[in-house]
């Protein structure tokens, strides 16, 4: 075999393989693009049909009787390492069962004229439920040394309670809260 014939056969072999590679890459690209487009077009339609069937209708009178649900700070005790333990009382003086309750604690942010809600919060789960008439005391340790004392006010806290009223249904999800102030540093807390 002459050199020319070797070159031609070599060139033929090399031309065929890159074409096949290019063709397979193009085919897989087209398949992948078609799949992505299908998913982008069909999934929103499927999600729309599901949400139409699951409309949330707010329960009538969901927040009735909740004015008797009380949150308050009973005690503040300094701990080691810059932590402060707050003893918080939850008094469910209502006729409602609160399922999957979560207590949320935060310090309010100082403003020139007042306070604002703090996006950084401590939370703790309180168990499966709080029965009507039940009182519970919850100790919550807060590491104050991590917070910027120039922007937060440790004398103004926000207590919140989230959960489900009466039944574990989406429409019974509730959230209530209250701002509490420490009166002149004497560790007596009053609801604002």
N, C-alpha and C. Protein backbone atom coordinates (compact mmCIF):
# COMPACT_ATOMS: atom_id res chain seq x y z
N UNK A 1 0.84 -1.16 0.00
CA UNK A 1 0.00 0.00 0.00
C UNK A 1 0.89 1.23 0.00
N UNK A 2 0.53 2.13 -0.87
CA UNK A 2 1.33 3.33 -0.97
C UNK A 2 0.94 4.30 0.13
N UNK A 3 1.77 5.31 0.28
CA UNK A 3 1.52 6.34 1.29
C UNK A 3 0.20 7.06 1.03
N UNK A 4 -0.10 7.31 -0.23
CA UNK A 4 -1.33 8.01 -0.57
C UNK A 4 -2.55 7.20 -0.15
N UNK A 5 -2.51 5.92 -0.43
CA UNK A 5 -3.64 5.06 -0.08
C UNK A 5 -3.80 5.01 1.44
N UNK A 6 -2.69 4.98 2.15
CA UNK A 6 -2.76 4.97 3.61
C UNK A 6 -3.39 6.26 4.12
N UNK A 7 -2.96 7.39 3.56
CA UNK A 7 -3.53 8.69 3.96
C UNK A 7 -5.02 8.74 3.68
N UNK A 8 -5.43 8.27 2.49
CA UNK A 8 -6.86 8.30 2.13
C UNK A 8 -7.68 7.42 3.06
N UNK A 9 -7.19 6.23 3.32
CA UNK A 9 -7.95 5.35 4.22
C UNK A 9 -8.00 5.95 5.64
N UNK A 10 -6.91 6.52 6.05
CA UNK A 10 -6.87 7.17 7.36
C UNK A 10 -7.85 8.34 7.42
N UNK A 11 -7.88 9.15 6.36
CA UNK A 11 -8.78 10.29 6.30
C UNK A 11 -10.23 9.82 6.28
N UNK A 12 -10.53 8.77 5.55
CA UNK A 12 -11.88 8.25 5.49
C UNK A 12 -12.32 7.78 6.88
N UNK A 13 -11.44 7.06 7.53
CA UNK A 13 -11.79 6.56 8.87
C UNK A 13 -12.04 7.73 9.83
N UNK A 14 -11.21 8.73 9.77
CA UNK A 14 -11.35 9.87 10.68
C UNK A 14 -12.55 10.73 10.33
N UNK A 15 -12.93 10.82 9.09
CA UNK A 15 -14.10 11.61 8.70
C UNK A 15 -15.38 10.95 9.16
N UNK A 16 -15.44 9.69 9.13
CA UNK A 16 -16.66 8.98 9.50
C UNK A 16 -16.91 9.12 11.00
N UNK A 17 -15.91 8.94 11.80
CA UNK A 17 -16.09 8.98 13.23
C UNK A 17 -16.52 10.36 13.73
N UNK A 18 -15.91 11.46 13.31
CA UNK A 18 -16.39 12.75 13.79
C UNK A 18 -17.82 13.03 13.37
N UNK A 19 -18.21 12.60 12.18
CA UNK A 19 -19.60 12.80 11.77
C UNK A 19 -20.54 12.04 12.69
N UNK A 20 -20.19 10.82 13.02
CA UNK A 20 -21.05 10.04 13.91
C UNK A 20 -21.12 10.69 15.29
N UNK A 21 -19.99 11.16 15.77
CA UNK A 21 -19.98 11.84 17.06
C UNK A 21 -20.83 13.09 17.02
N UNK A 22 -20.69 13.87 15.96
CA UNK A 22 -21.47 15.10 15.82
C UNK A 22 -22.95 14.77 15.73
N UNK A 23 -23.28 13.71 14.98
CA UNK A 23 -24.67 13.34 14.83
C UNK A 23 -25.25 12.90 16.17
N UNK A 24 -24.52 12.11 16.93
CA UNK A 24 -25.04 11.65 18.22
C UNK A 24 -25.17 12.82 19.20
N UNK A 25 -24.25 13.75 19.17
CA UNK A 25 -24.33 14.94 20.04
C UNK A 25 -25.55 15.76 19.66
N UNK A 26 -25.79 15.95 18.38
CA UNK A 26 -26.95 16.72 17.92
C UNK A 26 -28.24 16.01 18.33
N UNK A 27 -28.29 14.70 18.15
CA UNK A 27 -29.50 13.94 18.50
C UNK A 27 -29.79 14.06 19.99
N UNK A 28 -28.76 13.86 20.82
CA UNK A 28 -28.96 13.96 22.26
C UNK A 28 -29.33 15.38 22.69
N UNK A 29 -28.78 16.36 22.04
CA UNK A 29 -29.12 17.76 22.35
C UNK A 29 -30.58 18.03 22.03
N UNK A 30 -31.03 17.55 20.89
CA UNK A 30 -32.43 17.75 20.49
C UNK A 30 -33.36 17.04 21.47
N UNK A 31 -33.02 15.82 21.86
CA UNK A 31 -33.84 15.06 22.81
C UNK A 31 -33.90 15.77 24.16
N UNK A 32 -32.75 16.22 24.64
CA UNK A 32 -32.71 16.92 25.93
C UNK A 32 -33.51 18.22 25.88
N UNK A 33 -33.37 18.98 24.81
CA UNK A 33 -34.11 20.24 24.65
C UNK A 33 -35.61 19.97 24.60
N UNK A 34 -36.01 18.95 23.86
CA UNK A 34 -37.43 18.62 23.75
C UNK A 34 -37.99 18.21 25.11
N UNK A 35 -37.22 17.45 25.88
CA UNK A 35 -37.67 17.03 27.20
C UNK A 35 -37.84 18.22 28.14
N UNK A 36 -36.87 19.11 28.14
CA UNK A 36 -36.95 20.30 28.99
C UNK A 36 -38.14 21.16 28.59
N UNK A 37 -38.35 21.36 27.32
CA UNK A 37 -39.48 22.18 26.86
C UNK A 37 -40.80 21.52 27.24
N UNK A 38 -40.88 20.20 27.12
CA UNK A 38 -42.09 19.48 27.50
C UNK A 38 -42.39 19.70 28.98
N UNK A 39 -41.36 19.54 29.82
CA UNK A 39 -41.54 19.72 31.26
C UNK A 39 -41.93 21.15 31.61
N UNK A 40 -41.33 22.12 30.95
CA UNK A 40 -41.65 23.51 31.22
C UNK A 40 -43.07 23.86 30.80
N UNK A 41 -43.57 23.22 29.78
CA UNK A 41 -44.92 23.51 29.32
C UNK A 41 -46.00 22.71 30.04
N UNK A 42 -45.71 21.48 30.39
CA UNK A 42 -46.73 20.61 30.96
C UNK A 42 -46.84 20.74 32.48
N UNK A 43 -45.72 20.88 33.20
CA UNK A 43 -45.78 20.94 34.66
C UNK A 43 -46.63 22.09 35.19
N UNK A 44 -46.53 23.31 34.66
CA UNK A 44 -47.42 24.37 35.16
C UNK A 44 -48.89 24.04 34.96
N UNK A 45 -49.23 23.37 33.88
CA UNK A 45 -50.63 22.99 33.66
C UNK A 45 -51.08 21.96 34.69
N UNK A 46 -50.21 21.02 35.01
CA UNK A 46 -50.56 20.02 36.02
C UNK A 46 -50.69 20.66 37.40
N UNK A 47 -49.80 21.58 37.72
CA UNK A 47 -49.86 22.25 39.02
C UNK A 47 -51.11 23.11 39.13
N UNK A 48 -51.50 23.77 38.05
CA UNK A 48 -52.71 24.58 38.05
C UNK A 48 -53.92 23.73 38.34
N UNK A 49 -54.00 22.58 37.72
CA UNK A 49 -55.16 21.73 37.93
C UNK A 49 -55.21 21.22 39.37
N UNK A 50 -54.06 20.96 40.00
CA UNK A 50 -54.05 20.52 41.39
C UNK A 50 -54.47 21.63 42.33
N UNK A 51 -54.01 22.85 42.10
CA UNK A 51 -54.35 23.95 43.01
C UNK A 51 -55.81 24.34 42.88
N UNK A 52 -56.42 24.13 41.73
CA UNK A 52 -57.84 24.44 41.58
C UNK A 52 -58.68 23.52 42.45
N UNK A 53 -58.24 22.29 42.62
CA UNK A 53 -58.98 21.34 43.44
C UNK A 53 -58.78 21.57 44.93
N UNK A 54 -57.69 22.23 45.33
CA UNK A 54 -57.35 22.42 46.73
C UNK A 54 -57.46 23.88 47.15
N UNK A 55 -58.58 24.48 46.90
CA UNK A 55 -58.75 25.88 47.31
C UNK A 55 -58.87 25.96 48.82
N UNK A 56 -58.17 26.92 49.41
CA UNK A 56 -58.20 27.11 50.85
C UNK A 56 -59.27 28.14 51.17
N UNK A 57 -60.23 27.71 51.95
CA UNK A 57 -61.29 28.61 52.38
C UNK A 57 -61.06 28.89 53.85
N UNK A 58 -60.82 30.18 54.21
CA UNK A 58 -60.54 30.48 55.60
C UNK A 58 -61.73 30.12 56.50
N UNK A 59 -61.42 29.55 57.64
CA UNK A 59 -62.47 29.15 58.58
C UNK A 59 -63.15 30.39 59.16
N UNK A 60 -64.45 30.33 59.24
CA UNK A 60 -65.21 31.44 59.81
C UNK A 60 -64.97 31.45 61.31
N UNK A 61 -64.63 32.61 61.83
CA UNK A 61 -64.42 32.74 63.27
C UNK A 61 -63.16 32.04 63.78
N UNK A 62 -62.17 31.89 62.93
CA UNK A 62 -60.95 31.18 63.34
C UNK A 62 -60.31 31.83 64.56
N UNK A 63 -60.29 33.15 64.61
CA UNK A 63 -59.60 33.85 65.69
C UNK A 63 -60.53 34.21 66.86
N UNK A 64 -61.76 33.71 66.83
CA UNK A 64 -62.66 33.97 67.96
C UNK A 64 -62.07 33.35 69.22
N UNK A 65 -62.21 34.03 70.33
CA UNK A 65 -61.80 33.53 71.64
C UNK A 65 -60.29 33.54 71.85
N UNK A 66 -59.50 34.02 70.89
CA UNK A 66 -58.05 34.00 71.07
C UNK A 66 -57.53 35.15 71.93
N UNK A 67 -58.38 36.10 72.26
CA UNK A 67 -57.91 37.17 73.15
C UNK A 67 -57.58 36.61 74.52
N UNK A 68 -58.07 35.41 74.84
CA UNK A 68 -57.76 34.77 76.12
C UNK A 68 -56.49 33.91 76.05
N UNK A 69 -55.85 33.90 74.92
CA UNK A 69 -54.56 33.21 74.79
C UNK A 69 -53.48 34.22 75.17
N UNK A 70 -52.75 33.93 76.23
CA UNK A 70 -51.81 34.91 76.76
C UNK A 70 -50.38 34.38 76.72
N UNK A 71 -49.48 35.26 76.30
CA UNK A 71 -48.05 34.97 76.28
C UNK A 71 -47.37 36.02 77.15
N UNK A 72 -46.52 35.60 78.08
CA UNK A 72 -45.81 36.61 78.87
C UNK A 72 -44.49 36.08 79.37
N UNK A 73 -43.58 37.01 79.60
CA UNK A 73 -42.27 36.69 80.16
C UNK A 73 -42.41 36.77 81.67
N UNK A 74 -42.14 35.67 82.35
CA UNK A 74 -42.24 35.63 83.81
C UNK A 74 -40.94 36.03 84.47
N UNK A 75 -39.83 35.61 83.86
CA UNK A 75 -38.54 35.78 84.52
C UNK A 75 -37.44 35.87 83.47
N UNK A 76 -36.41 36.60 83.84
CA UNK A 76 -35.22 36.72 83.00
C UNK A 76 -34.02 36.42 83.89
N UNK A 77 -33.20 35.44 83.49
CA UNK A 77 -32.09 35.03 84.33
C UNK A 77 -30.81 34.95 83.49
N UNK A 78 -29.78 35.73 83.84
CA UNK A 78 -28.51 35.64 83.11
C UNK A 78 -27.84 34.29 83.34
N UNK A 79 -27.30 33.73 82.26
CA UNK A 79 -26.56 32.49 82.32
C UNK A 79 -25.11 32.76 81.93
N UNK A 80 -24.31 31.70 81.87
CA UNK A 80 -22.91 31.85 81.46
C UNK A 80 -22.83 32.08 79.96
N UNK A 81 -21.70 32.56 79.51
CA UNK A 81 -21.40 32.73 78.09
C UNK A 81 -22.32 33.72 77.37
N UNK A 82 -22.82 34.70 78.07
CA UNK A 82 -23.63 35.73 77.43
C UNK A 82 -25.05 35.34 77.13
N UNK A 83 -25.50 34.21 77.65
CA UNK A 83 -26.87 33.79 77.41
C UNK A 83 -27.78 34.31 78.52
N UNK A 84 -29.04 34.51 78.15
CA UNK A 84 -30.06 34.88 79.11
C UNK A 84 -31.19 33.87 78.95
N UNK A 85 -31.66 33.32 80.06
CA UNK A 85 -32.79 32.40 80.01
C UNK A 85 -34.06 33.17 80.35
N UNK A 86 -35.01 33.11 79.44
CA UNK A 86 -36.31 33.72 79.65
C UNK A 86 -37.30 32.62 79.98
N UNK A 87 -38.06 32.81 81.05
CA UNK A 87 -39.12 31.88 81.40
C UNK A 87 -40.41 32.47 80.86
N UNK A 88 -40.98 31.79 79.88
CA UNK A 88 -42.16 32.31 79.18
C UNK A 88 -43.36 31.45 79.55
N UNK A 89 -44.46 32.12 79.89
CA UNK A 89 -45.69 31.42 80.22
C UNK A 89 -46.68 31.53 79.06
N UNK A 90 -47.24 30.39 78.72
CA UNK A 90 -48.30 30.35 77.72
C UNK A 90 -49.55 29.89 78.45
N UNK A 91 -50.60 30.70 78.40
CA UNK A 91 -51.85 30.38 79.07
C UNK A 91 -52.94 30.28 78.01
N UNK A 92 -53.37 29.06 77.75
CA UNK A 92 -54.45 28.83 76.78
C UNK A 92 -55.78 28.86 77.52
N UNK A 93 -56.20 30.07 77.88
CA UNK A 93 -57.45 30.25 78.61
C UNK A 93 -58.61 30.39 77.61
N UNK A 94 -58.60 29.51 76.62
CA UNK A 94 -59.65 29.48 75.60
C UNK A 94 -60.30 28.11 75.63
N UNK A 95 -61.28 27.91 74.78
CA UNK A 95 -61.89 26.58 74.66
C UNK A 95 -61.39 25.88 73.39
N UNK A 96 -60.19 26.27 72.90
CA UNK A 96 -59.63 25.76 71.65
C UNK A 96 -58.39 24.93 71.92
N UNK A 97 -58.25 23.84 71.19
CA UNK A 97 -57.03 23.03 71.23
C UNK A 97 -56.07 23.61 70.20
N UNK A 98 -54.81 23.78 70.57
CA UNK A 98 -53.80 24.28 69.65
C UNK A 98 -52.88 23.11 69.31
N UNK A 99 -52.92 22.70 68.05
CA UNK A 99 -52.11 21.57 67.59
C UNK A 99 -50.79 22.06 67.03
N UNK A 100 -49.74 21.30 67.25
CA UNK A 100 -48.38 21.57 66.78
C UNK A 100 -47.95 23.02 67.06
N UNK A 101 -48.04 23.45 68.32
CA UNK A 101 -47.68 24.84 68.64
C UNK A 101 -46.17 25.08 68.57
N UNK A 102 -45.81 26.26 68.09
CA UNK A 102 -44.42 26.69 68.04
C UNK A 102 -44.34 28.08 68.67
N UNK A 103 -43.45 28.23 69.65
CA UNK A 103 -43.22 29.52 70.29
C UNK A 103 -42.05 30.20 69.59
N UNK A 104 -42.22 31.48 69.26
CA UNK A 104 -41.17 32.25 68.57
C UNK A 104 -40.84 33.47 69.42
N UNK A 105 -39.56 33.70 69.61
CA UNK A 105 -39.07 34.79 70.46
C UNK A 105 -38.10 35.63 69.65
N UNK A 106 -38.23 36.95 69.74
CA UNK A 106 -37.26 37.83 69.09
C UNK A 106 -37.19 39.15 69.85
N UNK A 107 -36.05 39.81 69.70
CA UNK A 107 -35.91 41.16 70.23
C UNK A 107 -36.33 42.13 69.14
N UNK A 108 -36.92 43.22 69.51
CA UNK A 108 -37.32 44.20 68.52
C UNK A 108 -36.12 45.06 68.13
N UNK A 109 -36.16 45.59 66.92
CA UNK A 109 -35.09 46.42 66.38
C UNK A 109 -35.37 47.87 66.74
N UNK A 110 -34.33 48.57 67.20
CA UNK A 110 -34.46 49.97 67.55
C UNK A 110 -34.56 50.84 66.30
N UNK A 111 -35.47 51.78 66.31
CA UNK A 111 -35.58 52.80 65.27
C UNK A 111 -35.52 54.17 65.94
N UNK A 112 -35.39 55.22 65.15
CA UNK A 112 -35.37 56.57 65.74
C UNK A 112 -36.64 56.84 66.53
N UNK A 113 -37.76 56.42 65.96
CA UNK A 113 -39.06 56.67 66.62
C UNK A 113 -39.80 55.35 66.77
N UNK A 114 -39.36 54.52 67.71
CA UNK A 114 -40.08 53.28 67.97
C UNK A 114 -39.24 52.04 67.70
N UNK A 115 -39.94 50.97 67.35
CA UNK A 115 -39.31 49.67 67.15
C UNK A 115 -39.86 49.03 65.88
N UNK A 116 -39.14 48.04 65.39
CA UNK A 116 -39.57 47.28 64.22
C UNK A 116 -39.36 45.80 64.50
N UNK A 117 -40.01 44.97 63.70
CA UNK A 117 -39.89 43.52 63.85
C UNK A 117 -38.50 43.06 63.42
N UNK A 118 -37.98 42.12 64.17
CA UNK A 118 -36.66 41.56 63.90
C UNK A 118 -36.81 40.29 63.06
N UNK A 119 -36.12 40.19 61.93
CA UNK A 119 -36.23 38.97 61.12
C UNK A 119 -35.48 37.77 61.72
N UNK A 120 -34.61 38.00 62.68
CA UNK A 120 -33.85 36.93 63.31
C UNK A 120 -34.56 36.51 64.59
N UNK A 121 -35.04 35.26 64.63
CA UNK A 121 -35.89 34.81 65.73
C UNK A 121 -35.43 33.46 66.26
N UNK A 122 -35.75 33.24 67.53
CA UNK A 122 -35.56 31.93 68.17
C UNK A 122 -36.92 31.25 68.18
N UNK A 123 -36.94 29.95 67.90
CA UNK A 123 -38.22 29.25 67.98
C UNK A 123 -38.02 27.89 68.63
N UNK A 124 -39.10 27.40 69.24
CA UNK A 124 -39.07 26.09 69.88
C UNK A 124 -40.44 25.43 69.73
N UNK A 125 -40.43 24.15 69.39
CA UNK A 125 -41.68 23.40 69.30
C UNK A 125 -42.14 23.05 70.70
N UNK A 126 -43.46 23.12 70.92
CA UNK A 126 -44.01 22.91 72.26
C UNK A 126 -44.73 21.57 72.41
N UNK A 127 -44.50 20.66 71.51
CA UNK A 127 -45.16 19.35 71.61
C UNK A 127 -46.29 19.22 70.62
N UNK A 128 -47.14 18.25 70.86
CA UNK A 128 -48.22 17.97 69.92
C UNK A 128 -49.40 18.92 70.05
N UNK A 129 -49.76 19.28 71.28
CA UNK A 129 -50.90 20.18 71.43
C UNK A 129 -50.92 20.85 72.80
N UNK A 130 -51.65 21.97 72.85
CA UNK A 130 -51.92 22.66 74.10
C UNK A 130 -53.43 22.60 74.29
N UNK A 131 -53.85 22.00 75.38
CA UNK A 131 -55.27 21.78 75.64
C UNK A 131 -55.93 23.07 76.14
N UNK A 132 -57.25 23.19 76.01
CA UNK A 132 -57.97 24.35 76.56
C UNK A 132 -57.74 24.44 78.07
N UNK A 133 -57.47 25.64 78.54
CA UNK A 133 -57.25 25.87 79.97
C UNK A 133 -55.84 25.51 80.44
N UNK A 134 -54.99 24.99 79.58
CA UNK A 134 -53.65 24.57 79.98
C UNK A 134 -52.70 25.76 80.06
N UNK A 135 -51.88 25.75 81.12
CA UNK A 135 -50.80 26.72 81.27
C UNK A 135 -49.49 25.96 81.16
N UNK A 136 -48.54 26.56 80.49
CA UNK A 136 -47.22 25.93 80.43
C UNK A 136 -46.15 27.00 80.55
N UNK A 137 -45.05 26.62 81.19
CA UNK A 137 -43.90 27.51 81.32
C UNK A 137 -42.78 26.93 80.48
N UNK A 138 -42.21 27.79 79.65
CA UNK A 138 -41.19 27.36 78.70
C UNK A 138 -39.90 28.15 78.95
N UNK A 139 -38.81 27.47 79.37
CA UNK A 139 -37.53 28.17 79.48
C UNK A 139 -36.89 28.26 78.09
N UNK A 140 -36.40 29.44 77.76
CA UNK A 140 -35.77 29.65 76.45
C UNK A 140 -34.47 30.40 76.65
N UNK A 141 -33.34 29.76 76.33
CA UNK A 141 -32.03 30.40 76.46
C UNK A 141 -31.70 31.13 75.17
N UNK A 142 -31.34 32.40 75.31
CA UNK A 142 -31.04 33.26 74.16
C UNK A 142 -29.61 33.77 74.32
N UNK A 143 -28.80 33.60 73.29
CA UNK A 143 -27.41 34.07 73.35
C UNK A 143 -27.37 35.53 72.90
N UNK A 144 -27.41 36.43 73.85
CA UNK A 144 -27.45 37.87 73.59
C UNK A 144 -26.09 38.38 73.09
N UNK A 145 -25.01 37.69 73.42
CA UNK A 145 -23.68 38.15 73.02
C UNK A 145 -23.50 38.10 71.50
N UNK A 146 -24.30 37.31 70.80
CA UNK A 146 -24.22 37.24 69.34
C UNK A 146 -24.93 38.40 68.65
N UNK A 147 -25.73 39.13 69.39
CA UNK A 147 -26.56 40.19 68.80
C UNK A 147 -25.90 41.55 68.90
N UNK A 148 -26.18 42.41 67.96
CA UNK A 148 -25.67 43.77 67.97
C UNK A 148 -26.56 44.61 68.89
N UNK A 149 -26.06 44.94 70.06
CA UNK A 149 -26.87 45.64 71.06
C UNK A 149 -27.17 47.08 70.68
N UNK A 150 -26.49 47.59 69.66
CA UNK A 150 -26.79 48.94 69.20
C UNK A 150 -28.05 48.96 68.34
N UNK A 151 -28.38 47.84 67.71
CA UNK A 151 -29.55 47.82 66.82
C UNK A 151 -30.74 47.08 67.41
N UNK A 152 -30.53 46.24 68.41
CA UNK A 152 -31.67 45.56 69.02
C UNK A 152 -31.93 46.11 70.41
N UNK A 153 -33.16 45.95 70.86
CA UNK A 153 -33.55 46.43 72.18
C UNK A 153 -33.92 45.23 73.03
N UNK A 154 -33.06 44.88 73.98
CA UNK A 154 -33.32 43.71 74.82
C UNK A 154 -34.43 43.97 75.83
N UNK A 155 -34.90 45.21 75.93
CA UNK A 155 -36.02 45.52 76.82
C UNK A 155 -37.37 45.42 76.10
N UNK A 156 -37.36 45.14 74.80
CA UNK A 156 -38.60 44.97 74.04
C UNK A 156 -38.50 43.65 73.28
N UNK A 157 -39.34 42.70 73.65
CA UNK A 157 -39.34 41.41 72.98
C UNK A 157 -40.67 41.19 72.27
N UNK A 158 -40.63 40.32 71.28
CA UNK A 158 -41.83 39.92 70.56
C UNK A 158 -42.02 38.42 70.79
N UNK A 159 -43.18 38.04 71.33
CA UNK A 159 -43.53 36.64 71.51
C UNK A 159 -44.61 36.30 70.51
N UNK A 160 -44.43 35.18 69.81
CA UNK A 160 -45.41 34.75 68.82
C UNK A 160 -45.73 33.28 69.04
N UNK A 161 -46.93 32.88 68.67
CA UNK A 161 -47.33 31.49 68.75
C UNK A 161 -47.98 31.12 67.43
N UNK A 162 -47.50 30.01 66.84
CA UNK A 162 -48.06 29.50 65.60
C UNK A 162 -48.55 28.09 65.85
N UNK A 163 -49.57 27.69 65.10
CA UNK A 163 -50.08 26.34 65.22
C UNK A 163 -51.37 26.19 64.45
N UNK A 164 -52.12 25.15 64.78
CA UNK A 164 -53.42 24.88 64.16
C UNK A 164 -54.47 24.89 65.26
N UNK A 165 -55.58 25.56 65.01
CA UNK A 165 -56.66 25.61 65.98
C UNK A 165 -57.65 24.48 65.72
N UNK A 166 -58.01 23.78 66.77
CA UNK A 166 -59.04 22.75 66.77
C UNK A 166 -58.67 21.49 65.99
N UNK A 167 -58.29 21.61 64.71
CA UNK A 167 -57.97 20.44 63.89
C UNK A 167 -56.73 20.73 63.06
N UNK A 168 -56.04 19.66 62.67
CA UNK A 168 -54.85 19.80 61.82
C UNK A 168 -55.29 19.95 60.36
N UNK A 169 -55.86 21.08 60.05
CA UNK A 169 -56.30 21.40 58.70
C UNK A 169 -55.61 22.69 58.27
N UNK A 170 -55.27 22.79 56.99
CA UNK A 170 -54.56 23.95 56.49
C UNK A 170 -55.32 25.25 56.77
N UNK A 171 -56.63 25.21 56.65
CA UNK A 171 -57.40 26.44 56.87
C UNK A 171 -57.46 26.85 58.34
N UNK A 172 -56.99 25.99 59.26
CA UNK A 172 -56.98 26.31 60.69
C UNK A 172 -55.61 26.79 61.19
N UNK A 173 -54.68 27.01 60.27
CA UNK A 173 -53.37 27.51 60.64
C UNK A 173 -53.51 28.94 61.17
N UNK A 174 -52.91 29.23 62.32
CA UNK A 174 -53.00 30.57 62.88
C UNK A 174 -51.65 31.03 63.38
N UNK A 175 -51.57 32.34 63.59
CA UNK A 175 -50.34 32.98 64.05
C UNK A 175 -50.77 34.18 64.89
N UNK A 176 -50.33 34.25 66.11
CA UNK A 176 -50.64 35.39 66.96
C UNK A 176 -49.36 35.83 67.67
N UNK A 177 -49.31 37.07 68.06
CA UNK A 177 -48.12 37.56 68.74
C UNK A 177 -48.40 38.81 69.54
N UNK A 178 -47.46 39.14 70.38
CA UNK A 178 -47.58 40.36 71.18
C UNK A 178 -46.20 40.87 71.55
N UNK A 179 -46.13 42.18 71.60
CA UNK A 179 -44.90 42.85 71.98
C UNK A 179 -44.93 43.07 73.48
N UNK A 180 -43.81 42.81 74.13
CA UNK A 180 -43.73 42.92 75.58
C UNK A 180 -42.54 43.79 75.93
N UNK A 181 -42.74 44.68 76.90
CA UNK A 181 -41.70 45.62 77.29
C UNK A 181 -41.29 45.38 78.73
N UNK A 182 -40.00 45.52 78.99
CA UNK A 182 -39.45 45.45 80.34
C UNK A 182 -39.55 46.85 80.93
N UNK A 183 -40.28 46.98 82.02
CA UNK A 183 -40.52 48.29 82.62
C UNK A 183 -39.29 48.77 83.36
N UNK A 184 -38.60 49.76 82.74
CA UNK A 184 -37.47 50.46 83.37
C UNK A 184 -36.42 49.52 83.95
N UNK A 185 -36.21 48.38 83.34
CA UNK A 185 -35.14 47.50 83.76
C UNK A 185 -35.36 46.80 85.09
N UNK A 186 -36.58 46.86 85.65
CA UNK A 186 -36.79 46.20 86.93
C UNK A 186 -37.25 44.75 86.75
N UNK A 187 -37.13 44.24 85.54
CA UNK A 187 -37.44 42.87 85.17
C UNK A 187 -38.91 42.51 85.37
N UNK A 188 -39.78 43.51 85.35
CA UNK A 188 -41.21 43.29 85.30
C UNK A 188 -41.66 43.56 83.87
N UNK A 189 -42.28 42.59 83.26
CA UNK A 189 -42.62 42.69 81.84
C UNK A 189 -44.10 43.04 81.68
N UNK A 190 -44.38 43.98 80.75
CA UNK A 190 -45.76 44.39 80.48
C UNK A 190 -46.05 44.27 79.00
N UNK A 191 -47.27 43.87 78.70
CA UNK A 191 -47.71 43.76 77.31
C UNK A 191 -47.92 45.16 76.75
N UNK A 192 -47.41 45.39 75.53
CA UNK A 192 -47.60 46.70 74.88
C UNK A 192 -48.88 46.74 74.11
